[in-house]
Each structure stands twice: as structure tokens, then as C-alpha cells.
């Protein structure tokens, strides 16, 4: 059975991002996938101090919840990161999380590494109608995956525009089911 980790970057509980996540997970093949959803706002994640000690040691000196999330990523086959647009970009919670993944970043010589073969998918949503903000969010998430050496494919990204509340997610039920079907078929 494949394990999927959903990383919810929204700081808001019971909003549109949660509704989107529940529809995606509801459409997953339960015989093929076991999934876990983590909400970044539930974790104590300190800001990166920029000390670069991890460049030499391959681990962060800070003792907070980032290590638990790293264990969840390592235990997963597929990682799906979901972020709403906050001022035309990823949420602050996701930015802090990405910064704290520096020990796993392949841009410096000594770095930790996840086991090979992980797949990464991205989902973005925003209130406006133009997809440019969502595409920027997806590019950011895929760039992040690349530095963690998590494989990603452009076709496994989804974005939704015109989302002002959780009810607006229902306009996209067909697209959400198609996204879940892509995951189901990717096994």
C-alpha cells in the first residue's frame, strides 16, 4: 500500500483548503493508498536562523516539530503540498517550512536526503480569477521538491481560482475527482 502525505499550508481550519483536501482524499482508492494530512499551523516550526550549521552537519540545530514532519515525509511515497494564495504567494507557514528544510536541500555539499522515488504534487487555490498566482505557487512548490530530490510531473498539479469560501470548492468537484484519479492511476 502506498502512503500519501498531504501538507496543508493553510492557517485556517475548516475553510476551503480543508474542503478541497477532504474531496481529494475521499476520491482516493482506499485499497491502494493510506494517507495522512498534516496542517503546518498545528506544528511548532521556528524560523530558519540562517546559521548554516546544517551545511556541515546535515541537520538543523533547532529542536522543534520540523523533525516529526521530516519523518512523515520519509515514510511517504507521495507528497501533496496544498497552499492557498496569500498576497500572490505561498502562505507564511509554508515559507517557514521550506526554509527549515535546508538540511535536506541538494544545493550544499553535506545534506540529508530522503529515500529515492518519492513523487510530489502541488495544489494551489486563490480568490481571484487569474491563474497567474496559482501557477507561481505551483512553481514554488515544484522548485522546493526539486531541491529535495522529490520527483514531480507538471500534469500532477491542480489549481482552483475564484475560491472565496469552502462552498466554492464544490464548483470544482469534477476537476478534483480527475486530480484524485491521476493519483490513483499513477501507481
C-alpha atoms as a PDB file:
ATOM      1  CA  UNK A   1       0.000   0.000   0.000  1.00  0.00           C
ATOM      2  CA  UNK A   2       1.375   3.425  -0.975  1.00  0.00           C
ATOM      3  CA  UNK A   3       1.475   6.205   1.597  1.00  0.00           C
ATOM      4  CA  UNK A   4       0.438   9.742   0.720  1.00  0.00           C
ATOM      5  CA  UNK A   5       1.278  12.724   2.896  1.00  0.00           C
ATOM      6  CA  UNK A   6      -0.848  15.822   2.389  1.00  0.00           C
ATOM      7  CA  UNK A   7       0.828  19.000   3.655  1.00  0.00           C
ATOM      8  CA  UNK A   8      -1.838  21.629   4.266  1.00  0.00           C
ATOM      9  CA  UNK A   9      -0.244  25.089   4.303  1.00  0.00           C
ATOM     10  CA  UNK A  10      -3.416  26.989   5.137  1.00  0.00           C
ATOM     11  CA  UNK A  11      -3.516  28.566   8.593  1.00  0.00           C
ATOM     12  CA  UNK A  12      -7.325  28.472   8.514  1.00  0.00           C
ATOM     13  CA  UNK A  13      -9.215  25.447   9.832  1.00  0.00           C
ATOM     14  CA  UNK A  14     -12.426  24.232   8.212  1.00  0.00           C
ATOM     15  CA  UNK A  15     -12.017  26.505   5.228  1.00  0.00           C
ATOM     16  CA  UNK A  16     -11.722  25.973   1.500  1.00  0.00           C
ATOM     17  CA  UNK A  17      -8.364  24.177   1.690  1.00  0.00           C
ATOM     18  CA  UNK A  18      -9.742  21.647   4.194  1.00  0.00           C
ATOM     19  CA  UNK A  19     -12.799  21.086   1.977  1.00  0.00           C
ATOM     20  CA  UNK A  20     -10.550  20.580  -1.046  1.00  0.00           C
ATOM     21  CA  UNK A  21      -8.423  18.078   0.887  1.00  0.00           C
ATOM     22  CA  UNK A  22     -11.433  16.095   2.045  1.00  0.00           C
ATOM     23  CA  UNK A  23     -12.725  15.812  -1.535  1.00  0.00           C
ATOM     24  CA  UNK A  24      -9.338  14.671  -2.853  1.00  0.00           C
ATOM     25  CA  UNK A  25      -8.892  12.061  -0.109  1.00  0.00           C
ATOM     26  CA  UNK A  26     -12.493  10.884  -0.487  1.00  0.00           C
ATOM     27  CA  UNK A  27     -11.746  10.054  -4.148  1.00  0.00           C
ATOM     28  CA  UNK A  28      -8.529   8.123  -3.492  1.00  0.00           C
ATOM     29  CA  UNK A  29      -8.516   4.373  -3.939  1.00  0.00           C
ATOM     30  CA  UNK A  30      -8.635   3.140  -0.323  1.00  0.00           C
ATOM     31  CA  UNK A  31      -7.217  -0.265  -1.295  1.00  0.00           C
ATOM     32  CA  UNK A  32      -4.129   1.311  -2.864  1.00  0.00           C
ATOM     33  CA  UNK A  33      -3.435   4.314  -0.632  1.00  0.00           C
ATOM     34  CA  UNK A  34      -3.059   5.096   3.022  1.00  0.00           C
ATOM     35  CA  UNK A  35      -2.974   8.825   3.632  1.00  0.00           C
ATOM     36  CA  UNK A  36      -2.137  11.321   6.344  1.00  0.00           C
ATOM     37  CA  UNK A  37      -2.936  15.028   6.427  1.00  0.00           C
ATOM     38  CA  UNK A  38      -0.741  17.410   8.367  1.00  0.00           C
ATOM     39  CA  UNK A  39      -1.634  21.036   8.948  1.00  0.00           C
ATOM     40  CA  UNK A  40       1.532  23.104   9.206  1.00  0.00           C
ATOM     41  CA  UNK A  41      -0.192  25.537  11.575  1.00  0.00           C
ATOM     42  CA  UNK A  42      -0.563  22.693  14.116  1.00  0.00           C
ATOM     43  CA  UNK A  43       3.227  22.332  14.396  1.00  0.00           C
ATOM     44  CA  UNK A  44       5.793  24.381  16.271  1.00  0.00           C
ATOM     45  CA  UNK A  45       8.201  25.354  13.485  1.00  0.00           C
ATOM     46  CA  UNK A  46      10.729  28.064  14.246  1.00  0.00           C
ATOM     47  CA  UNK A  47      12.101  30.417  11.628  1.00  0.00           C
ATOM     48  CA  UNK A  48      15.374  29.411   9.988  1.00  0.00           C
ATOM     49  CA  UNK A  49      18.182  31.193  11.840  1.00  0.00           C
ATOM     50  CA  UNK A  50      20.429  31.275   8.765  1.00  0.00           C
ATOM     51  CA  UNK A  51      23.304  29.843  10.793  1.00  0.00           C
ATOM     52  CA  UNK A  52      24.247  27.342   8.035  1.00  0.00           C
ATOM     53  CA  UNK A  53      25.398  24.771  10.585  1.00  0.00           C
ATOM     54  CA  UNK A  54      23.268  22.285   8.640  1.00  0.00           C
ATOM     55  CA  UNK A  55      25.625  22.809   5.670  1.00  0.00           C
ATOM     56  CA  UNK A  56      28.225  20.924   7.700  1.00  0.00           C
ATOM     57  CA  UNK A  57      26.104  18.590   9.851  1.00  0.00           C
ATOM     58  CA  UNK A  58      23.124  17.813   7.566  1.00  0.00           C
ATOM     59  CA  UNK A  59      20.709  18.575  10.392  1.00  0.00           C
ATOM     60  CA  UNK A  60      19.150  21.598  11.991  1.00  0.00           C
ATOM     61  CA  UNK A  61      20.275  22.573  15.472  1.00  0.00           C
ATOM     62  CA  UNK A  62      16.797  23.796  16.412  1.00  0.00           C
ATOM     63  CA  UNK A  63      14.650  21.419  18.426  1.00  0.00           C
ATOM     64  CA  UNK A  64      11.066  21.791  17.305  1.00  0.00           C
ATOM     65  CA  UNK A  65       8.428  19.875  15.322  1.00  0.00           C
ATOM     66  CA  UNK A  66      10.237  20.025  11.960  1.00  0.00           C
ATOM     67  CA  UNK A  67      11.853  16.667  12.688  1.00  0.00           C
ATOM     68  CA  UNK A  68       8.447  14.963  13.025  1.00  0.00           C
ATOM     69  CA  UNK A  69       7.390  16.295   9.624  1.00  0.00           C
ATOM     70  CA  UNK A  70      10.661  15.069   8.080  1.00  0.00           C
ATOM     71  CA  UNK A  71       9.891  11.579   9.440  1.00  0.00           C
ATOM     72  CA  UNK A  72       6.417  11.762   7.865  1.00  0.00           C
ATOM     73  CA  UNK A  73       7.927  12.743   4.505  1.00  0.00           C
ATOM     74  CA  UNK A  74      10.446   9.898   4.714  1.00  0.00           C
ATOM     75  CA  UNK A  75       7.644   7.425   5.495  1.00  0.00           C
ATOM     76  CA  UNK A  76       5.609   8.569   2.466  1.00  0.00           C
ATOM     77  CA  UNK A  77       5.716   7.617  -1.195  1.00  0.00           C
ATOM     78  CA  UNK A  78       3.765  10.642  -2.419  1.00  0.00           C
ATOM     79  CA  UNK A  79       3.769  14.159  -1.005  1.00  0.00           C
ATOM     80  CA  UNK A  80       0.984  16.570  -1.945  1.00  0.00           C
ATOM     81  CA  UNK A  81       1.514  20.165  -0.830  1.00  0.00           C
ATOM     82  CA  UNK A  82      -1.511  22.462  -0.838  1.00  0.00           C
ATOM     83  CA  UNK A  83      -1.316  26.228  -0.430  1.00  0.00           C
ATOM     84  CA  UNK A  84      -3.861  28.986  -0.807  1.00  0.00           C
ATOM     85  CA  UNK A  85      -2.610  32.277  -2.210  1.00  0.00           C
ATOM     86  CA  UNK A  86      -1.743  34.853   0.435  1.00  0.00           C
ATOM     87  CA  UNK A  87      -0.731  38.103  -1.223  1.00  0.00           C
ATOM     88  CA  UNK A  88       0.038  36.347  -4.513  1.00  0.00           C
ATOM     89  CA  UNK A  89       2.333  33.764  -2.941  1.00  0.00           C
ATOM     90  CA  UNK A  90       2.503  30.714  -0.689  1.00  0.00           C
ATOM     91  CA  UNK A  91       1.418  31.098   2.919  1.00  0.00           C
ATOM     92  CA  UNK A  92       3.887  32.207   5.568  1.00  0.00           C
ATOM     93  CA  UNK A  93       3.593  28.786   7.204  1.00  0.00           C
ATOM     94  CA  UNK A  94       4.750  27.079   4.009  1.00  0.00           C
ATOM     95  CA  UNK A  95       7.631  29.530   3.510  1.00  0.00           C
ATOM     96  CA  UNK A  96       8.893  28.915   7.060  1.00  0.00           C
ATOM     97  CA  UNK A  97       8.585  25.145   6.495  1.00  0.00           C
ATOM     98  CA  UNK A  98      10.503  25.306   3.199  1.00  0.00           C
ATOM     99  CA  UNK A  99      13.265  27.374   4.811  1.00  0.00           C
ATOM    100  CA  UNK A 100      13.600  24.799   7.570  1.00  0.00           C
ATOM    101  CA  UNK A 101      14.068  22.005   5.019  1.00  0.00           C
ATOM    102  CA  UNK A 102      17.521  23.427   4.197  1.00  0.00           C
ATOM    103  CA  UNK A 103      19.333  20.428   5.774  1.00  0.00           C
ATOM    104  CA  UNK A 104      17.721  18.291   3.005  1.00  0.00           C
ATOM    105  CA  UNK A 105      18.450  20.750   0.197  1.00  0.00           C
ATOM    106  CA  UNK A 106      20.791  19.471  -2.516  1.00  0.00           C
ATOM    107  CA  UNK A 107      22.390  22.898  -3.027  1.00  0.00           C
ATOM    108  CA  UNK A 108      25.088  22.331  -0.435  1.00  0.00           C
ATOM    109  CA  UNK A 109      27.615  19.520  -0.224  1.00  0.00           C
ATOM    110  CA  UNK A 110      26.651  17.883   3.057  1.00  0.00           C
ATOM    111  CA  UNK A 111      22.909  17.385   3.121  1.00  0.00           C
ATOM    112  CA  UNK A 112      20.455  14.876   4.450  1.00  0.00           C
ATOM    113  CA  UNK A 113      18.409  13.035   1.846  1.00  0.00           C
ATOM    114  CA  UNK A 114      15.073  11.326   1.624  1.00  0.00           C
ATOM    115  CA  UNK A 115      14.883   7.878   0.094  1.00  0.00           C
ATOM    116  CA  UNK A 116      14.650   7.980  -3.703  1.00  0.00           C
ATOM    117  CA  UNK A 117      11.476   7.517  -5.704  1.00  0.00           C
ATOM    118  CA  UNK A 118       9.164   9.910  -3.874  1.00  0.00           C
ATOM    119  CA  UNK A 119       6.625  11.746  -6.004  1.00  0.00           C
ATOM    120  CA  UNK A 120       5.456  15.292  -5.346  1.00  0.00           C
ATOM    121  CA  UNK A 121       2.247  17.004  -6.374  1.00  0.00           C
ATOM    122  CA  UNK A 122       1.109  20.595  -5.868  1.00  0.00           C
ATOM    123  CA  UNK A 123      -2.297  22.202  -5.398  1.00  0.00           C
ATOM    124  CA  UNK A 124      -2.930  25.951  -5.283  1.00  0.00           C
ATOM    125  CA  UNK A 125      -6.103  27.939  -4.762  1.00  0.00           C
ATOM    126  CA  UNK A 126      -6.964  31.621  -4.746  1.00  0.00           C
ATOM    127  CA  UNK A 127      -9.892  34.004  -4.559  1.00  0.00           C
ATOM    128  CA  UNK A 128      -9.215  35.864  -7.826  1.00  0.00           C
ATOM    129  CA  UNK A 129      -9.930  34.610 -11.322  1.00  0.00           C
ATOM    130  CA  UNK A 130      -6.464  34.830 -12.903  1.00  0.00           C
ATOM    131  CA  UNK A 131      -4.360  31.666 -12.643  1.00  0.00           C
ATOM    132  CA  UNK A 132      -1.008  33.516 -12.525  1.00  0.00           C
ATOM    133  CA  UNK A 133      -0.809  33.469  -8.702  1.00  0.00           C
ATOM    134  CA  UNK A 134      -1.661  29.780  -8.585  1.00  0.00           C
ATOM    135  CA  UNK A 135       0.949  28.990 -11.211  1.00  0.00           C
ATOM    136  CA  UNK A 136       3.549  30.877  -9.156  1.00  0.00           C
ATOM    137  CA  UNK A 137       2.617  28.823  -6.073  1.00  0.00           C
ATOM    138  CA  UNK A 138       2.883  25.586  -8.044  1.00  0.00           C
ATOM    139  CA  UNK A 139       6.293  26.648  -9.421  1.00  0.00           C
ATOM    140  CA  UNK A 140       7.473  27.407  -5.873  1.00  0.00           C
ATOM    141  CA  UNK A 141       6.345  24.011  -4.578  1.00  0.00           C
ATOM    142  CA  UNK A 142       7.889  22.166  -7.534  1.00  0.00           C
ATOM    143  CA  UNK A 143      11.144  24.123  -7.102  1.00  0.00           C
ATOM    144  CA  UNK A 144      11.121  23.030  -3.451  1.00  0.00           C
ATOM    145  CA  UNK A 145      10.547  19.396  -4.478  1.00  0.00           C
ATOM    146  CA  UNK A 146      13.441  19.606  -6.929  1.00  0.00           C
ATOM    147  CA  UNK A 147      15.887  20.654  -4.203  1.00  0.00           C
ATOM    148  CA  UNK A 148      14.662  17.778  -2.016  1.00  0.00           C
ATOM    149  CA  UNK A 149      15.050  15.411  -4.988  1.00  0.00           C
ATOM    150  CA  UNK A 150      11.356  14.553  -4.910  1.00  0.00           C
ATOM    151  CA  UNK A 151      10.147  13.741  -8.428  1.00  0.00           C
ATOM    152  CA  UNK A 152       7.327  15.866  -9.788  1.00  0.00           C
ATOM    153  CA  UNK A 153       5.407  15.963 -13.032  1.00  0.00           C
ATOM    154  CA  UNK A 154       3.652  19.108 -14.250  1.00  0.00           C
ATOM    155  CA  UNK A 155       0.464  17.167 -15.051  1.00  0.00           C
ATOM    156  CA  UNK A 156       0.043  16.312 -11.365  1.00  0.00           C
ATOM    157  CA  UNK A 157      -0.613  19.890 -10.351  1.00  0.00           C
ATOM    158  CA  UNK A 158      -4.019  21.442  -9.812  1.00  0.00           C
ATOM    159  CA  UNK A 159      -5.140  24.986  -9.208  1.00  0.00           C
ATOM    160  CA  UNK A 160      -8.534  26.462  -8.485  1.00  0.00           C
ATOM    161  CA  UNK A 161      -9.479  30.120  -8.955  1.00  0.00           C
ATOM    162  CA  UNK A 162     -12.475  32.035  -7.624  1.00  0.00           C
ATOM    163  CA  UNK A 163     -12.437  30.359  -4.206  1.00  0.00           C
ATOM    164  CA  UNK A 164     -13.869  32.742  -1.611  1.00  0.00           C
ATOM    165  CA  UNK A 165     -15.185  30.128   0.815  1.00  0.00           C
ATOM    166  CA  UNK A 166     -15.467  26.360   1.229  1.00  0.00           C
ATOM    167  CA  UNK A 167     -18.740  26.233  -0.753  1.00  0.00           C
ATOM    168  CA  UNK A 168     -16.887  27.491  -3.838  1.00  0.00           C
ATOM    169  CA  UNK A 169     -14.833  24.276  -3.859  1.00  0.00           C
ATOM    170  CA  UNK A 170     -17.949  22.373  -4.936  1.00  0.00           C
ATOM    171  CA  UNK A 171     -17.808  24.144  -8.339  1.00  0.00           C
ATOM    172  CA  UNK A 172     -14.662  22.100  -8.986  1.00  0.00           C
ATOM    173  CA  UNK A 173     -15.797  18.632  -7.907  1.00  0.00           C
ATOM    174  CA  UNK A 174     -15.171  17.208 -11.387  1.00  0.00           C
ATOM    175  CA  UNK A 175     -11.619  18.640 -11.547  1.00  0.00           C
ATOM    176  CA  UNK A 176     -10.864  17.414  -8.018  1.00  0.00           C
ATOM    177  CA  UNK A 177     -12.059  13.914  -8.887  1.00  0.00           C
ATOM    178  CA  UNK A 178      -9.883  13.986 -12.040  1.00  0.00           C
ATOM    179  CA  UNK A 179      -6.872  15.009  -9.919  1.00  0.00           C
ATOM    180  CA  UNK A 180      -7.507  12.133  -7.496  1.00  0.00           C
ATOM    181  CA  UNK A 181      -7.910   9.789 -10.483  1.00  0.00           C
ATOM    182  CA  UNK A 182      -4.497  10.891 -11.785  1.00  0.00           C
ATOM    183  CA  UNK A 183      -3.002   9.917  -8.440  1.00  0.00           C
ATOM    184  CA  UNK A 184      -4.942   6.649  -8.454  1.00  0.00           C
ATOM    185  CA  UNK A 185      -3.632   5.814 -11.920  1.00  0.00           C
ATOM    186  CA  UNK A 186      -0.042   6.848 -11.194  1.00  0.00           C
ATOM    187  CA  UNK A 187       0.634   3.769  -9.088  1.00  0.00           C
END
